[in-house]
Amino acid sequence: MIFDELVIHNFGIYKGRHQILLSPKSPKKPIVLFGGLNGGGKTTFLDALQLTLYGKFANCSNRGSLAYQEFLKETINRYASPKDGAMLELKFSIYIDGELHTYHVKRFWRVTDKSNVREEMEVIHNGVVDPVIAEQWYEYVNEFIPLSISGLFFFDGEKIEALADPSGSAKLIQTGVLSLLGLDVVEKLGSDLDALMRADMKSLKNDSEDIISPELQNQENKIVELVSRKEGFQQNLASVASRIDNLNREIESLEKSYRAAGGELFDARNSFHSSLETLNSEIKEKEKQLQLIAGSAFPLSLVADLLWQTKEQVLKESEGDRVKILLSEIEKRNKNLIRFLSKQHADRKTLDLVKNKLNEDINGLKKSIPKNRYLGLSTDAFRGLNQDMFNELKMSVNSICCDLSELKEKQIHAERKISSIPEEETLANIQRQIWECKNNLIQEQAKCDILKEQLIITQRQFEQAESKLVSTKLAINKTSIELELKNRTYNNVQDVKSILGKFQLLMLEKHIKHLEVLILESFLMLIRKANLVAKVVIDPATYQIQLLNSSLEHIPSSRLSAGERQILAISTLWGLAKASGRPLPMIIDTPLGRLDSMHRKNLVDNYFPVASHQVILLSTDQEIDQHCRDDLSKYIGREYHIQYEEKLQTSTIREGYF
């Protein structure tokens, strides 16, 4: 498992957004070193990691006895608006069954108008938001880093000092061993049996009378029957609930397959066909409009030049007809004029001059008459035909053609969509499976409802029978049956506890030997006095560590210096971490405490570089000083400096050590 990135936003001493890369740059450089003075934000960093992973179950440094909602409210940076809230994000990767999985966990909370805290969580698994994992996150995270053993991988100097005390290390070993072997469940079962036994023994009554009432026996039998019936209903209900859960998962899987096979397109097919019909209607309407325009004078615009020539010819012919009529009238007038002049005895010369002049006028008019008259059309035929009309019609045609082109593009797109709709036969099998699953789900839910109702009825009958039994017992004052049952329960509890104790002892003896070797190996790698300890022994009953010298004599803890006791505590943590068999990151806050220079060097040389494939160290400048840092340099993949800045009112995390 690798922690890849942590984002802290308005959390604790950190105001604003702080993004920190945590993944080692190479397997040979597993250490991520953080340097910071006390109070600068190192422990807040560790709290942020744990809170992101474990939420309300996180073992944060400053929570104390605060309720979780109050604690979240207190963690919002005091310079940030409570309504803006805080957010933590952690990206990590882990191999599961040989396959790499990535997780991006976001946890954010803010104060609502009613001063309540609203917390939300989001989990992105392999790049996809997964609300199911978010809802069941506590179960998931316990698969990766069980909360019960998280203390083996997340610890600070205070914890090391506490473990330096023999009672503290015994408690750690007990918790670690029981959790690693799953024996904490056995311990819990033993405690539950003790509680059950105490509760039963409280109600035992010493009554020497040995009279069994038939009515009392019948009522006891009825209660046993009702309990059996209740258990049967509960078992059936659990089975039905399991089947419902399986059906829901199967339906979800089938619906994904249905969507992948084009089911959504198939479901929307009527809408697609309707859209296509609408488009076809609109296209027909546009084509009809074009046909109407084509049936108008618009086609004449194609021969506009010829049309205007024809119009000019018609005008000329019309003008010629008018001139002919005019000539006829003029000739009549001219004849009348010559006749008049003759009557007035005008001389010949004058008459000839007048005749010549009049003939010139007539000849001039005759020349204006077109020689070729081949159309014979009326000018009315061209009434309303002009260039403006053609321009207007052309604009209409262009607009309609543009609309038609757009509609046909949509038509093609719609036809493509329709053509991509899978055939009903293709989806029939998945549809049938979905229908069957949903039908089965309805049936199972109906069964579930019936079983719940039957369970409620049986519970009511049980309560009534139990109440009646109490009344009967009070009436006849006989408790022999109850006494016998409770004595039997007591004996059974004793037998079970004895078996559990033997089982636990066998398991402990088997695995504690291995743990003793791991702790000794770790201790010898870190201790300055190589010949101080030859053997480590753990008492399976008390979990106390005993150190033996080469003569196998007990070494009292009082003979160890404070630094040696801390080395033993670190060795214990290291040994338990090795025993867990889990490749998890190691996060250590203020690790060197009161160690002398030699012990510090042993930790720097022999522990930090190999403690895990990813080691996150949070240190002051006094613990890992420049000399220690230089010794570690070839194992350091990333370095950060945590520093509080008054002007910014926040701690900052920047690359580089002190």
Foldseek 3Di string as FASTA:
>chain_A
DFWAKKWKDQFAQFHGIFIDGFGFPDLLFQEAEEAEDPPLCPLVVLQLVQCLQAPQLGPRDPCPPPHSFVVQQVGGHPVDALQVWIKMWIWDWDADPNRIKIKIKMWTWGQDPVRTIDIDIWIQIRNRTDVVCRVVVLVVSCVAPNPLLVCLFREEPVLLLQCLPLLSVLVNLVSLLCVLVVVVVLVVVLVVLVVVLVVLVVPFDDDPDDDDDPVLVVLVVVLVVLVVVLVVLVVVLVVLVVLLVVLVVVLVVLVVVCVVLVVVLQVCLVVLVVLLVVLVVLLVVLVVVVVVLVPDCLVCVVVVVVVVVVLVLQVLQVVLVVLVVVLVVLVVVLVVVLVVCVVVVPDPVVSVVSVVVSVVVSVVSNVSRDPDDDPPDDNVVCPPDDVVVNVVSVVVNVVSVVVSVVSVVVSVVSVVSSVSRDDCVVCVVSVVVSVVSVVVSVVSVVVSVVSVVVSVVSVVVSVVSVVVSVVVCVVVVDCNVSNVVSVVSSVVSVVVSVVSVVVLVVSCVVCVVQLFVQLVVQLCLQDPPNQPFDTWDADSVSRGIWTAGPVRDTDDSVPDDSQSSSSSSSSSSLSSVVVSVRQDEHEYEARRPPHDPSSLVSCLQPPQLVSHSHYYYYHYCVSCPPVSCVSNVSNHRWYWYWRQDPVVSRIHIDTDYD
